[in-house]
Amino acid sequence: MDVIATAGHVDHGKSTLVKALTGMEPDRWEEERRRGLTIDLGFAWTTLPWGRRLAVVDVPGHERFVGNMLAGVGSVPAALVVVAADDGWSAQTAEHVAVLDALGVRHGLLAVTKADLADPAPVLADATERLAGTSLGRLPAVAVSARTGEGMAELAAALEGVLAGLPAPDPTAAVRLWVDRAFTIRGAGTVVTGTLAAGTVRPGDRFALGGREVTVRGLQSLGAPVDAASATARVALNLRGTAVEEISRGDALLTPDAFRQATDVDVILAAETDDRLPAELVVHVGSATVAARVRPLDGAALRLRLAAPLPLRVGDRLLLRDPGARRVYGADVRDVDPPELRRRGAARTRGAELVEQPPGEAGARAELVRRRFVRRADWVAMGWPVPADVPAVGRWLVAPGVLTEAARRVPGVVAAHRAAHPLEPGPPSEVVRRELDLPDPELLAVVVRPPLALRDGRVVAGAAGLPPAVQRAVDGIRSRLADAPFAAPEAGDLAAAGLGPRELAAAVREEQLVRIADGVYLAPGVAEEARRRLAGLPQPFTVSQARQAWDTSRRVAVPLAEWLDARGVTVRLPDNTRRLR
């Protein structure tokens, strides 16, 4: 299916032309028909002679309903510009064309209506020339009379040609369906309509809508139930999970987690202007209308602070409207998560960055360099492409060179921490992560490289060892234990050797001593030696028998027996005797 929107002055025959083309009355309200005036959006559809299905969004032409007009053209890829032969180009025609130009619409058809009432040739020539200076360029043009049928066959053929040249939408893309109508059908419930510009919708699909989840109960396109609808298409969705009172024009049905709700947005004006922009403008995108405060940055760059968040992506085209001056400006979204501007001159610097930002993957790469790290899901939701040469670590995208630079800094961070804290085997991994400004611990595992390693929550060197003085003291204790492995030194002996609680803890971490209990330290291998001696005792045995086998004091024997119980070397029996497991 293809979708096209009308544009043009009130009373130039847009709705009459749509009815003659489709056989359907696009005006939905009794007041519209009574007054002969399109007030809200109208919809009609037909199958063109060569089989192409076409849906038409008929917009109001009166200046008082320009907001409704913008809601109709916001998601539509092509326009049918209508100018009456008996009236010619008007101020309202110019305003509608200015809207199309600001939105960057590049595909369309000029229809000069009421050809039975006046010679259409002068208007055709004038309108064609005026349109040539806009984004639409030199359009194909047809003179028609909806009343007599003159030129209608030519109009259908010209439409076929225009629609055949439209860029193909992506049926696999995330869905962002801007709601242009919401109503209730008895027996069905809430129904919303909109123009599906990308993606595919099926019954059973779940979407985010205004902070809640809704489910598509049923789906229609062009007035008939369908099993699926792919862009571009006019669709009506019967929703479960919301009431019609909770939905407004401008809301959007979104693929969950695929879009970022933006409040601050950096944009570049699509065309140079000498106008002094006001402090507040109205932002139009899709069918949404939101007020925004304007902060000029540098040149054509602006920062918009939206009065309500919108699901925007980098590359979206916004229309900025100054209602007081009846001026419109096109603006391209460059960032939906912009940096704060705190320092003097930051706004000018940021504006220059935006103006110089290249398109496509080159721009994405430059933006990633600025951010250093970003979650892949957030990056895609913002609308950036993922450059092929960008490294990914788990859920993170990382700017080229950042990991290499971080890995280069790690040894220095570890050495500095060891110098300040010589009894620690290395800095805690969280300290290193913060020092390197890494957003996630999983990135640390990539930048800690041999001979450094992550162990027990710290970044340690393979052979960091103890400070020399501490090592000498520990060697002395172990030398004594070599001759009497269960003669744990007294607290005074440890202190005299310079081994306080911190030094002893470091020796235990380095596996040079074994802590049996407070104040009781023995050499590594004590469990095996204790078991060997206990094996020579009759089973079960008492603590007193174990003490004699170990040739030690009760101060050591009691905690050592409990320590062996805890490690499964021995089993304590109900009568407080023990046996080897």
Protein backbone atom coordinates (compact mmCIF):
# COMPACT_ATOMS: atom_id res chain seq x y z
CA MET A 1 0.00 0.00 0.00
CA ASP A 2 1.03 3.61 -0.60
CA VAL A 3 -0.11 6.64 1.37
CA ILE A 4 -0.32 10.22 0.18
CA ALA A 5 -1.59 13.40 1.86
CA THR A 6 -3.34 16.36 0.28
CA ALA A 7 -2.13 19.93 0.70
CA GLY A 8 -3.62 23.21 -0.42
CA HIS A 9 -5.93 26.14 0.28
CA VAL A 10 -9.46 25.79 1.60
CA ASP A 11 -12.11 25.58 -1.18
CA HIS A 12 -9.56 24.51 -3.80
CA GLY A 13 -11.30 21.17 -4.10
CA LYS A 14 -9.06 18.75 -2.18
CA SER A 15 -11.88 16.69 -0.69
CA THR A 16 -13.90 16.75 -3.91
CA LEU A 17 -10.85 15.51 -5.82
CA VAL A 18 -10.28 12.72 -3.29
CA LYS A 19 -13.93 11.64 -3.61
CA ALA A 20 -13.71 11.65 -7.42
CA LEU A 21 -10.50 9.57 -7.25
CA THR A 22 -11.60 7.04 -4.63
CA GLY A 23 -15.39 7.12 -4.70
CA MET A 24 -15.34 7.73 -0.93
CA GLU A 25 -16.36 10.78 1.09
CA PRO A 26 -13.26 11.76 3.13
CA ASP A 27 -15.06 14.26 5.37
CA ARG A 28 -16.16 12.33 8.44
CA TRP A 29 -18.15 14.87 10.40
CA GLU A 30 -21.64 16.18 9.71
CA GLU A 31 -20.39 19.72 10.37
CA GLU A 32 -17.73 19.32 7.69
CA ARG A 33 -20.27 18.30 5.08
CA ARG A 34 -22.75 20.98 6.16
CA ARG A 35 -20.14 23.74 5.92
CA GLY A 36 -18.32 22.26 2.91
CA LEU A 37 -15.13 22.61 4.92
CA THR A 38 -12.63 19.95 6.04
CA ILE A 39 -12.00 20.54 9.74
CA ASP A 40 -10.25 17.36 10.81
CA LEU A 41 -8.35 14.67 8.96
CA GLY A 42 -10.24 12.64 6.37
CA PHE A 43 -9.31 9.25 5.00
CA ALA A 44 -10.16 7.42 1.78
CA TRP A 45 -8.64 4.69 -0.33
CA THR A 46 -8.78 3.09 -3.73
CA THR A 47 -7.04 0.72 -6.11
CA LEU A 48 -5.46 2.55 -9.03
CA PRO A 49 -5.98 1.20 -12.59
CA TRP A 50 -2.66 -0.67 -12.62
CA GLY A 51 -3.37 -2.44 -9.33
CA ARG A 52 -1.54 -0.21 -6.83
CA ARG A 53 -3.49 0.32 -3.61
CA LEU A 54 -3.55 3.92 -2.43
CA ALA A 55 -4.69 5.50 0.85
CA VAL A 56 -5.26 9.26 0.94
CA VAL A 57 -5.07 11.46 4.03
CA ASP A 58 -7.18 14.54 3.34
CA VAL A 59 -6.07 17.49 5.46
CA PRO A 60 -7.96 20.71 6.27
CA GLY A 61 -7.01 23.71 4.19
CA HIS A 62 -8.23 26.48 6.48
CA GLU A 63 -5.51 28.37 8.32
CA ARG A 64 -7.28 27.85 11.66
CA PHE A 65 -6.80 24.10 11.33
CA VAL A 66 -3.11 24.05 10.39
CA GLY A 67 -2.39 21.92 13.47
CA ASN A 68 -4.71 19.23 12.11
CA MET A 69 -3.04 19.52 8.74
CA LEU A 70 0.37 18.91 10.31
CA ALA A 71 -0.93 15.82 12.11
CA GLY A 72 -1.96 14.41 8.74
CA VAL A 73 1.23 14.98 6.77
CA GLY A 74 3.75 14.20 9.51
CA SER A 75 4.08 10.46 8.74
CA VAL A 76 3.22 10.48 5.04
CA PRO A 77 5.99 10.15 2.40
CA ALA A 78 4.31 12.00 -0.49
CA ALA A 79 1.95 14.92 -1.07
CA LEU A 80 -0.81 15.77 -3.54
CA VAL A 81 -0.61 19.56 -3.84
CA VAL A 82 -3.93 21.02 -4.97
CA VAL A 83 -4.36 24.50 -6.50
CA ALA A 84 -7.61 25.72 -8.08
CA ALA A 85 -7.51 27.00 -11.66
CA ASP A 86 -10.03 29.77 -10.88
CA ASP A 87 -8.16 31.08 -7.83
CA GLY A 88 -4.47 30.23 -8.24
CA TRP A 89 -1.70 30.20 -5.70
CA SER A 90 -2.78 31.64 -2.34
CA ALA A 91 -1.25 32.45 1.03
CA GLN A 92 -2.63 29.23 2.47
CA THR A 93 -1.17 27.25 -0.43
CA ALA A 94 2.20 28.82 0.36
CA GLU A 95 1.83 27.92 4.04
CA HIS A 96 1.03 24.28 3.26
CA VAL A 97 3.94 24.05 0.83
CA ALA A 98 6.22 25.66 3.41
CA VAL A 99 5.21 22.88 5.79
CA LEU A 100 6.04 20.21 3.21
CA ASP A 101 9.36 21.92 2.49
CA ALA A 102 10.25 22.12 6.19
CA LEU A 103 9.40 18.43 6.58
CA GLY A 104 11.67 17.64 3.64
CA VAL A 105 8.95 15.95 1.55
CA ARG A 106 10.53 15.15 -1.83
CA HIS A 107 7.82 13.19 -3.60
CA GLY A 108 4.50 14.52 -4.83
CA LEU A 109 2.13 15.55 -7.59
CA LEU A 110 0.60 18.91 -8.49
CA ALA A 111 -3.11 18.84 -9.33
CA VAL A 112 -4.71 22.02 -10.72
CA THR A 113 -8.41 21.55 -10.03
CA LYS A 114 -11.58 23.19 -11.40
CA ALA A 115 -10.15 23.08 -14.91
CA ASP A 116 -13.75 23.38 -16.17
CA LEU A 117 -14.07 26.85 -14.59
CA ALA A 118 -10.87 28.53 -15.84
CA ASP A 119 -7.87 27.92 -18.06
CA PRO A 120 -5.51 25.81 -15.90
CA ALA A 121 -2.37 26.54 -17.97
CA PRO A 122 -1.31 29.80 -16.22
CA VAL A 123 -1.82 28.28 -12.77
CA LEU A 124 0.04 25.11 -13.79
CA ALA A 125 3.02 27.18 -14.92
CA ASP A 126 3.00 29.45 -11.86
CA ALA A 127 2.57 26.68 -9.28
CA THR A 128 5.19 24.48 -10.96
CA GLU A 129 7.70 27.32 -10.81
CA ARG A 130 6.94 28.09 -7.15
CA LEU A 131 7.28 24.44 -6.15
CA ALA A 132 10.60 24.08 -7.94
CA GLY A 133 12.31 26.09 -5.19
CA THR A 134 11.16 23.72 -2.44
CA SER A 135 12.10 20.22 -1.36
CA LEU A 136 9.45 18.91 -3.77
CA GLY A 137 11.33 20.25 -6.79
CA ARG A 138 9.73 20.15 -10.24
CA LEU A 139 6.71 17.96 -9.74
CA PRO A 140 4.66 16.19 -12.39
CA ALA A 141 1.49 18.21 -12.86
CA VAL A 142 -2.04 17.43 -14.05
CA ALA A 143 -5.06 19.65 -14.73
CA VAL A 144 -8.33 18.04 -13.60
CA SER A 145 -12.00 18.69 -13.09
CA ALA A 146 -13.57 16.51 -10.42
CA ARG A 147 -17.04 17.66 -11.60
CA THR A 148 -16.66 16.63 -15.26
CA GLY A 149 -14.01 13.90 -14.82
CA GLU A 150 -11.62 15.68 -17.15
CA GLY A 151 -7.98 14.68 -16.41
CA MET A 152 -8.87 12.05 -13.78
CA ALA A 153 -7.34 9.22 -15.81
CA GLU A 154 -4.18 11.27 -16.23
CA LEU A 155 -4.17 11.99 -12.48
CA ALA A 156 -4.33 8.26 -11.68
CA ALA A 157 -1.51 7.51 -14.12
CA ALA A 158 0.64 10.31 -12.68
CA LEU A 159 0.01 9.02 -9.17
CA GLU A 160 1.18 5.56 -10.26
CA GLY A 161 4.44 7.09 -11.45
CA VAL A 162 5.00 9.12 -8.28
CA LEU A 163 4.25 6.20 -5.98
CA ALA A 164 6.54 3.87 -7.93
CA GLY A 165 9.43 6.22 -7.16
CA LEU A 166 8.94 6.27 -3.39
CA PRO A 167 11.80 4.77 -1.33
CA ALA A 168 10.98 1.32 0.00
CA PRO A 169 10.19 1.30 3.74
CA ASP A 170 11.77 -1.24 6.08
CA PRO A 171 9.17 -3.85 7.13
CA THR A 172 11.54 -5.22 9.80
CA ALA A 173 12.15 -1.89 11.55
CA ALA A 174 10.88 -1.02 15.01
CA VAL A 175 7.31 0.32 14.99
CA ARG A 176 6.52 3.93 15.89
CA LEU A 177 2.89 4.49 14.97
CA TRP A 178 1.75 8.05 15.63
CA VAL A 179 -1.91 8.02 16.61
CA ASP A 180 -4.11 10.42 14.63
CA ARG A 181 -7.50 9.08 15.80
CA ALA A 182 -8.73 7.17 18.84
CA PHE A 183 -12.31 6.00 19.31
CA THR A 184 -14.44 3.18 20.68
CA ILE A 185 -16.37 0.56 18.73
CA ARG A 186 -19.14 -1.23 20.58
CA GLY A 187 -18.19 -4.84 21.18
CA ALA A 188 -14.54 -4.24 20.23
CA GLY A 189 -13.33 -1.50 22.55
CA THR A 190 -10.52 0.99 21.91
CA VAL A 191 -9.37 1.57 18.34
CA VAL A 192 -6.54 3.81 17.15
CA THR A 193 -5.55 4.72 13.60
CA GLY A 194 -2.35 6.00 12.07
CA THR A 195 0.06 5.78 9.16
CA LEU A 196 2.53 2.92 9.60
CA ALA A 197 5.77 4.40 8.21
CA ALA A 198 8.08 1.50 9.12
CA GLY A 199 7.86 -2.00 10.52
CA THR A 200 5.09 -4.59 10.59
CA VAL A 201 2.08 -5.00 12.88
CA ARG A 202 0.22 -8.24 13.64
CA PRO A 203 -2.58 -9.22 16.02
CA GLY A 204 -1.07 -10.26 19.32
CA ASP A 205 1.82 -7.78 19.09
CA ARG A 206 2.61 -5.84 22.25
CA PHE A 207 3.52 -2.17 22.21
CA ALA A 208 4.39 0.56 24.68
CA LEU A 209 1.84 3.38 24.81
CA GLY A 210 2.21 6.22 27.27
CA GLY A 211 4.13 4.22 29.85
CA ARG A 212 1.91 1.12 29.73
CA GLU A 213 1.82 -2.01 27.64
CA VAL A 214 -1.01 -2.63 25.19
CA THR A 215 -1.78 -5.62 23.00
CA VAL A 216 -3.15 -5.59 19.44
CA ARG A 217 -6.41 -7.52 19.63
CA GLY A 218 -7.36 -6.96 15.99
CA LEU A 219 -6.01 -5.20 12.90
CA GLN A 220 -7.64 -3.57 9.89
CA SER A 221 -6.21 -1.85 6.86
CA LEU A 222 -8.32 -0.01 4.28
CA GLY A 223 -11.48 -1.06 6.11
CA ALA A 224 -10.83 -4.83 6.08
CA PRO A 225 -9.32 -7.22 8.69
CA VAL A 226 -5.79 -8.35 7.88
CA ASP A 227 -3.36 -10.84 9.42
CA ALA A 228 -0.46 -8.37 9.15
CA ALA A 229 0.23 -4.88 7.86
CA SER A 230 3.66 -3.71 6.71
CA ALA A 231 4.80 -0.18 6.00
CA THR A 232 3.72 1.96 4.37
CA ALA A 233 0.06 1.49 5.35
CA ARG A 234 -2.98 3.09 6.91
CA VAL A 235 -3.96 0.88 9.83
CA ALA A 236 -6.61 0.66 12.52
CA LEU A 237 -5.64 -1.26 15.66
CA ASN A 238 -8.08 -2.65 18.21
CA LEU A 239 -6.18 -2.45 21.50
CA ARG A 240 -6.39 -4.36 24.74
CA GLY A 241 -4.99 -2.79 27.91
CA THR A 242 -6.09 0.84 27.57
CA ALA A 243 -9.21 2.99 27.51
CA VAL A 244 -9.89 5.51 24.78
CA GLU A 245 -9.84 8.28 27.40
CA GLU A 246 -6.17 7.50 28.03
CA ILE A 247 -5.13 8.13 24.41
CA SER A 248 -4.70 11.41 22.56
CA ARG A 249 -3.68 12.40 19.07
CA GLY A 250 0.10 12.57 19.08
CA ASP A 251 0.61 9.52 21.29
CA ALA A 252 2.71 6.79 19.71
CA LEU A 253 2.56 3.00 19.73
CA LEU A 254 6.17 1.87 20.13
CA THR A 255 8.07 -1.37 19.88
CA PRO A 256 9.10 -1.90 23.54
CA ASP A 257 12.57 -0.54 24.46
CA ALA A 258 13.23 0.50 20.84
CA PHE A 259 12.86 4.26 21.34
CA ARG A 260 14.17 6.78 23.85
CA GLN A 261 11.80 9.30 25.38
CA ALA A 262 13.61 12.60 24.87
CA THR A 263 13.04 15.89 26.66
CA ASP A 264 16.22 17.74 25.65
CA VAL A 265 17.02 17.48 21.94
CA ASP A 266 19.85 18.98 19.88
CA VAL A 267 18.85 19.86 16.31
CA ILE A 268 20.20 21.56 13.21
CA LEU A 269 17.95 23.83 11.16
CA ALA A 270 17.44 22.30 7.73
CA ALA A 271 17.77 25.65 5.95
CA GLU A 272 19.49 28.93 6.72
CA THR A 273 17.26 31.66 8.06
CA ASP A 274 17.66 35.32 8.91
CA ASP A 275 14.75 35.14 11.33
CA ARG A 276 15.37 35.71 15.00
CA LEU A 277 13.83 32.64 16.54
CA PRO A 278 11.55 33.21 19.52
CA ALA A 279 12.29 31.73 22.95
CA GLU A 280 9.44 29.27 22.48
CA LEU A 281 8.29 27.31 19.43
CA VAL A 282 5.80 24.53 18.78
CA VAL A 283 7.35 21.22 17.72
CA HIS A 284 5.47 18.94 15.31
CA VAL A 285 6.53 15.37 14.59
CA GLY A 286 4.26 12.62 13.32
CA SER A 287 0.86 13.60 14.72
CA ALA A 288 2.37 15.03 17.93
CA THR A 289 2.43 18.69 18.93
CA VAL A 290 4.59 19.82 21.86
CA ALA A 291 5.75 23.24 23.03
CA ALA A 292 9.50 23.74 23.39
CA ARG A 293 11.89 26.30 24.80
CA VAL A 294 14.66 27.23 22.36
CA ARG A 295 18.33 27.68 23.27
CA PRO A 296 20.54 28.80 20.37
CA LEU A 297 23.91 27.04 20.38
CA ASP A 298 26.00 28.13 17.42
CA GLY A 299 24.98 28.86 13.84
CA ALA A 300 22.09 26.62 12.81
CA ALA A 301 22.32 24.47 15.96
CA LEU A 302 19.62 24.66 18.63
CA ARG A 303 18.77 22.88 21.83
CA LEU A 304 15.07 22.26 22.39
CA ARG A 305 13.63 21.56 25.82
CA LEU A 306 10.29 19.87 25.21
CA ALA A 307 7.32 20.47 27.49
CA ALA A 308 6.56 16.73 27.25
CA PRO A 309 8.88 13.87 26.26
CA LEU A 310 8.69 12.45 22.73
CA PRO A 311 10.00 9.16 21.28
CA LEU A 312 12.61 10.65 18.96
CA ARG A 313 15.60 9.28 17.10
CA VAL A 314 18.67 10.79 15.53
CA GLY A 315 17.77 11.65 11.93
CA ASP A 316 14.12 12.52 12.61
CA ARG A 317 12.84 15.64 10.89
CA LEU A 318 10.96 18.03 13.16
CA LEU A 319 8.83 20.95 12.11
CA LEU A 320 9.23 24.02 14.31
CA ARG A 321 6.34 26.47 14.13
CA ASP A 322 6.07 30.02 15.35
CA PRO A 323 2.27 30.44 15.59
CA GLY A 324 2.50 34.18 16.13
CA ALA A 325 4.52 34.86 12.98
CA ARG A 326 3.05 31.91 10.99
CA ARG A 327 6.57 30.77 10.16
CA VAL A 328 7.78 27.17 10.02
CA TYR A 329 11.28 25.74 10.13
CA GLY A 330 12.55 22.25 9.44
CA ALA A 331 15.07 20.81 11.88
CA ASP A 332 17.02 17.55 11.86
CA VAL A 333 17.51 15.75 15.16
CA ARG A 334 21.21 15.27 15.90
CA ASP A 335 21.12 14.08 19.52
CA VAL A 336 18.32 12.83 21.79
CA ASP A 337 20.58 12.50 24.85
CA PRO A 338 22.73 15.64 24.67
CA PRO A 339 25.47 16.57 27.16
CA GLU A 340 24.91 19.20 29.83
CA LEU A 341 26.23 22.67 29.02
CA ARG A 342 27.77 23.98 32.23
CA ARG A 343 30.98 25.76 31.33
CA ARG A 344 31.35 29.13 29.70
CA GLY A 345 31.48 28.65 25.94
CA ALA A 346 30.06 25.13 26.11
CA ALA A 347 27.01 26.03 24.01
CA ARG A 348 29.15 27.44 21.19
CA THR A 349 31.47 24.42 21.27
CA ARG A 350 28.52 22.03 21.22
CA GLY A 351 26.93 23.90 18.32
CA ALA A 352 30.12 23.65 16.30
CA GLU A 353 30.26 19.90 16.98
CA LEU A 354 26.72 19.46 15.73
CA VAL A 355 27.24 21.54 12.59
CA GLU A 356 30.40 19.60 11.71
CA GLN A 357 28.93 16.20 12.52
CA PRO A 358 29.15 14.05 9.38
CA PRO A 359 26.19 11.88 8.32
CA GLY A 360 25.81 8.11 8.60
CA GLU A 361 28.42 5.83 10.13
CA ALA A 362 31.06 8.56 10.19
CA GLY A 363 28.81 10.68 12.40
CA ALA A 364 28.02 7.68 14.57
CA ARG A 365 31.71 6.97 15.02
CA ALA A 366 32.41 10.59 15.98
CA GLU A 367 29.56 10.55 18.49
CA LEU A 368 30.80 7.29 20.00
CA VAL A 369 34.26 8.81 20.40
CA ARG A 370 32.66 11.64 22.37
CA ARG A 371 30.72 9.25 24.60
CA ARG A 372 33.51 6.60 24.91
CA PHE A 373 31.06 3.95 26.13
CA VAL A 374 27.36 3.41 25.50
CA ARG A 375 24.96 0.51 25.94
CA ARG A 376 24.19 -1.03 22.57
CA ALA A 377 20.43 -1.06 23.27
CA ASP A 378 20.50 2.67 24.15
CA TRP A 379 22.59 3.45 21.07
CA VAL A 380 20.14 1.73 18.73
CA ALA A 381 17.15 3.29 20.53
CA MET A 382 18.68 6.73 19.95
CA GLY A 383 18.74 5.99 16.22
CA TRP A 384 22.46 5.65 15.60
CA PRO A 385 23.84 3.00 13.23
CA VAL A 386 26.41 0.61 14.68
CA PRO A 387 29.71 1.02 12.76
CA ALA A 388 31.17 -2.31 11.67
CA ASP A 389 34.58 -1.63 13.23
CA VAL A 390 33.32 -0.66 16.69
CA PRO A 391 34.28 -3.20 19.40
CA ALA A 392 31.52 -4.57 21.60
CA VAL A 393 32.01 -5.87 25.13
CA GLY A 394 28.91 -7.64 26.34
CA ARG A 395 26.11 -5.08 26.18
CA TRP A 396 28.51 -2.13 25.64
CA LEU A 397 29.79 -0.43 22.51
CA VAL A 398 33.22 1.10 22.99
CA ALA A 399 34.93 3.82 20.99
CA PRO A 400 38.01 2.61 19.08
CA GLY A 401 41.21 2.88 21.14
CA VAL A 402 39.47 3.39 24.49
CA LEU A 403 40.09 -0.14 25.78
CA THR A 404 43.74 -0.07 24.71
CA GLU A 405 44.28 3.24 26.50
CA ALA A 406 42.52 1.96 29.65
CA ALA A 407 44.64 -1.22 29.65
CA ARG A 408 47.78 0.91 29.37
CA ARG A 409 46.81 2.83 32.52
CA VAL A 410 45.99 -0.18 34.70
CA PRO A 411 49.58 -1.05 35.78
CA GLY A 412 50.14 2.53 36.92
CA VAL A 413 46.94 2.51 38.99
CA VAL A 414 47.94 -0.81 40.60
CA ALA A 415 51.50 0.35 41.32
CA ALA A 416 50.31 3.61 42.91
CA HIS A 417 47.89 1.74 45.15
CA ARG A 418 50.55 -0.79 46.18
CA ALA A 419 52.92 2.05 47.07
CA ALA A 420 50.26 3.66 49.26
CA HIS A 421 49.03 0.36 50.71
CA PRO A 422 51.97 -2.08 50.62
CA LEU A 423 50.22 -4.74 52.69
CA GLU A 424 47.35 -5.05 50.22
CA PRO A 425 47.82 -7.40 47.25
CA GLY A 426 46.38 -4.80 44.90
CA PRO A 427 43.63 -2.20 44.65
CA PRO A 428 39.98 -3.25 44.87
CA SER A 429 38.54 -3.68 41.40
CA GLU A 430 35.96 -0.96 42.08
CA VAL A 431 38.76 1.52 42.82
CA VAL A 432 40.40 0.71 39.48
CA ARG A 433 37.07 0.92 37.63
CA ARG A 434 36.40 4.42 39.00
CA GLU A 435 39.95 5.57 38.30
CA LEU A 436 39.62 4.48 34.65
CA ASP A 437 36.09 5.92 34.42
CA LEU A 438 34.63 2.61 33.24
CA PRO A 439 30.81 2.50 33.45
CA ASP A 440 30.51 -1.24 34.16
CA PRO A 441 32.61 -3.84 36.04
CA GLU A 442 32.42 -6.22 33.07
CA LEU A 443 34.61 -3.79 31.11
CA LEU A 444 37.36 -4.10 33.73
CA ALA A 445 37.91 -7.76 32.88
CA VAL A 446 38.86 -6.70 29.34
CA VAL A 447 41.46 -4.09 30.32
CA VAL A 448 43.17 -6.07 33.13
CA ARG A 449 45.80 -8.03 31.22
CA PRO A 450 48.72 -10.32 32.24
CA PRO A 451 50.78 -10.19 34.36
CA LEU A 452 47.91 -8.47 36.23
CA ALA A 453 44.78 -10.42 37.09
CA LEU A 454 41.41 -10.04 38.80
CA ARG A 455 41.34 -12.10 41.98
CA ASP A 456 39.03 -11.95 44.98
CA GLY A 457 37.67 -8.55 44.01
CA ARG A 458 41.09 -6.97 43.49
CA VAL A 459 43.49 -6.27 40.66
CA VAL A 460 46.71 -8.04 41.61
CA ALA A 461 50.11 -8.75 40.11
CA GLY A 462 50.99 -12.39 39.57
CA ALA A 463 53.88 -12.22 42.05
CA ALA A 464 53.21 -9.08 44.06
CA GLY A 465 54.47 -10.62 47.31
CA LEU A 466 54.89 -9.00 50.69
CA PRO A 467 56.97 -5.93 51.55
CA PRO A 468 60.59 -7.01 52.29
CA ALA A 469 60.44 -6.37 56.04
CA VAL A 470 57.20 -8.30 56.41
CA GLN A 471 58.53 -11.12 54.25
CA ARG A 472 61.60 -11.47 56.50
CA ALA A 473 59.41 -11.64 59.60
CA VAL A 474 57.14 -14.27 58.06
CA ASP A 475 60.16 -16.30 56.93
CA GLY A 476 61.40 -16.27 60.52
CA ILE A 477 58.07 -17.56 61.86
CA ARG A 478 57.90 -20.26 59.22
CA SER A 479 61.47 -21.33 60.01
CA ARG A 480 60.43 -21.91 63.63
CA LEU A 481 57.30 -23.79 62.52
CA ALA A 482 59.37 -26.07 60.26
CA ASP A 483 60.83 -27.75 63.34
CA ALA A 484 57.63 -27.60 65.46
CA PRO A 485 54.67 -27.26 63.03
CA PHE A 486 52.03 -26.89 65.79
CA ALA A 487 53.94 -24.53 68.09
CA ALA A 488 52.04 -21.39 67.07
CA PRO A 489 53.93 -18.28 68.20
CA GLU A 490 52.45 -16.26 71.04
CA ALA A 491 50.97 -12.81 70.37
CA GLY A 492 54.05 -11.19 71.92
CA ASP A 493 56.36 -13.10 69.61
CA LEU A 494 54.34 -12.00 66.58
CA ALA A 495 54.37 -8.38 67.69
CA ALA A 496 58.11 -8.53 68.42
CA ALA A 497 58.65 -9.76 64.87
CA GLY A 498 56.71 -6.78 63.54
CA LEU A 499 53.66 -8.80 62.54
CA GLY A 500 50.52 -6.91 63.53
CA PRO A 501 46.96 -7.70 62.36
CA ARG A 502 47.44 -6.07 58.94
CA GLU A 503 50.74 -7.79 58.28
CA LEU A 504 49.35 -11.14 59.35
CA ALA A 505 46.27 -10.66 57.13
CA ALA A 506 48.57 -9.92 54.19
CA ALA A 507 50.61 -13.06 54.90
CA VAL A 508 47.39 -15.13 54.96
CA ARG A 509 46.24 -13.59 51.64
CA GLU A 510 49.60 -14.50 50.15
CA GLU A 511 49.09 -18.06 51.49
CA GLN A 512 52.33 -17.90 53.49
CA LEU A 513 50.54 -18.42 56.82
CA VAL A 514 47.31 -20.15 57.80
CA ARG A 515 44.99 -18.47 60.30
CA ILE A 516 43.52 -21.13 62.61
CA ALA A 517 41.85 -18.65 65.02
CA ASP A 518 42.52 -15.25 66.54
CA GLY A 519 46.19 -15.19 67.47
CA VAL A 520 46.84 -18.71 66.17
CA TYR A 521 48.86 -18.84 62.94
CA LEU A 522 50.56 -21.91 61.47
CA ALA A 523 52.38 -22.75 58.25
CA PRO A 524 50.72 -23.95 55.02
CA GLY A 525 50.33 -27.73 54.90
CA VAL A 526 49.28 -27.91 58.55
CA ALA A 527 46.06 -29.80 57.72
CA GLU A 528 47.94 -32.62 56.02
CA GLU A 529 50.48 -32.90 58.86
CA ALA A 530 47.73 -32.84 61.50
CA ARG A 531 45.85 -35.63 59.70
CA ARG A 532 49.01 -37.72 59.36
CA ARG A 533 49.62 -37.62 63.10
CA LEU A 534 45.97 -38.27 63.98
CA ALA A 535 45.99 -41.37 61.77
CA GLY A 536 48.31 -43.02 64.29
CA LEU A 537 45.76 -42.63 67.11
CA PRO A 538 43.02 -45.13 67.97
CA GLN A 539 39.70 -43.92 66.57
CA PRO A 540 37.85 -42.06 67.97
CA PHE A 541 40.20 -39.83 69.95
CA THR A 542 39.92 -36.97 72.43
CA VAL A 543 41.28 -33.43 72.13
CA SER A 544 43.83 -34.34 74.80
CA GLN A 545 45.09 -37.26 72.71
CA ALA A 546 45.26 -35.01 69.63
CA ARG A 547 47.18 -32.36 71.60
CA GLN A 548 49.77 -34.94 72.62
CA ALA A 549 50.07 -36.23 69.02
CA TRP A 550 50.59 -32.68 67.78
CA ASP A 551 52.98 -31.83 70.63
CA THR A 552 51.34 -28.48 71.31
CA SER A 553 49.40 -26.57 73.93
CA ARG A 554 45.65 -26.55 74.56
CA ARG A 555 45.65 -22.92 73.27
CA VAL A 556 46.46 -24.34 69.83
CA ALA A 557 44.89 -27.80 70.00
CA VAL A 558 41.28 -26.75 70.70
CA PRO A 559 40.92 -24.22 67.83
CA LEU A 560 42.94 -26.51 65.53
CA ALA A 561 40.52 -29.40 66.20
CA GLU A 562 37.54 -27.14 65.42
CA TRP A 563 39.29 -25.84 62.30
CA LEU A 564 39.80 -29.43 61.09
CA ASP A 565 36.10 -30.19 61.82
CA ALA A 566 35.05 -27.20 59.68
CA ARG A 567 37.15 -28.43 56.79
CA GLY A 568 35.86 -31.98 56.92
CA VAL A 569 39.16 -33.52 57.98
CA THR A 570 37.65 -34.78 61.22
CA VAL A 571 34.13 -35.55 62.47
CA ARG A 572 33.02 -34.51 65.96
CA LEU A 573 30.93 -37.19 67.69
CA PRO A 574 28.11 -36.70 70.25
CA ASP A 575 30.43 -37.56 73.15
CA ASN A 576 32.87 -34.81 72.03
CA THR A 577 35.40 -37.33 70.72
CA ARG A 578 36.50 -37.16 67.10
CA ARG A 579 37.48 -39.45 64.28
CA LEU A 580 39.08 -38.90 60.90
CA ARG A 581 36.57 -38.63 58.10
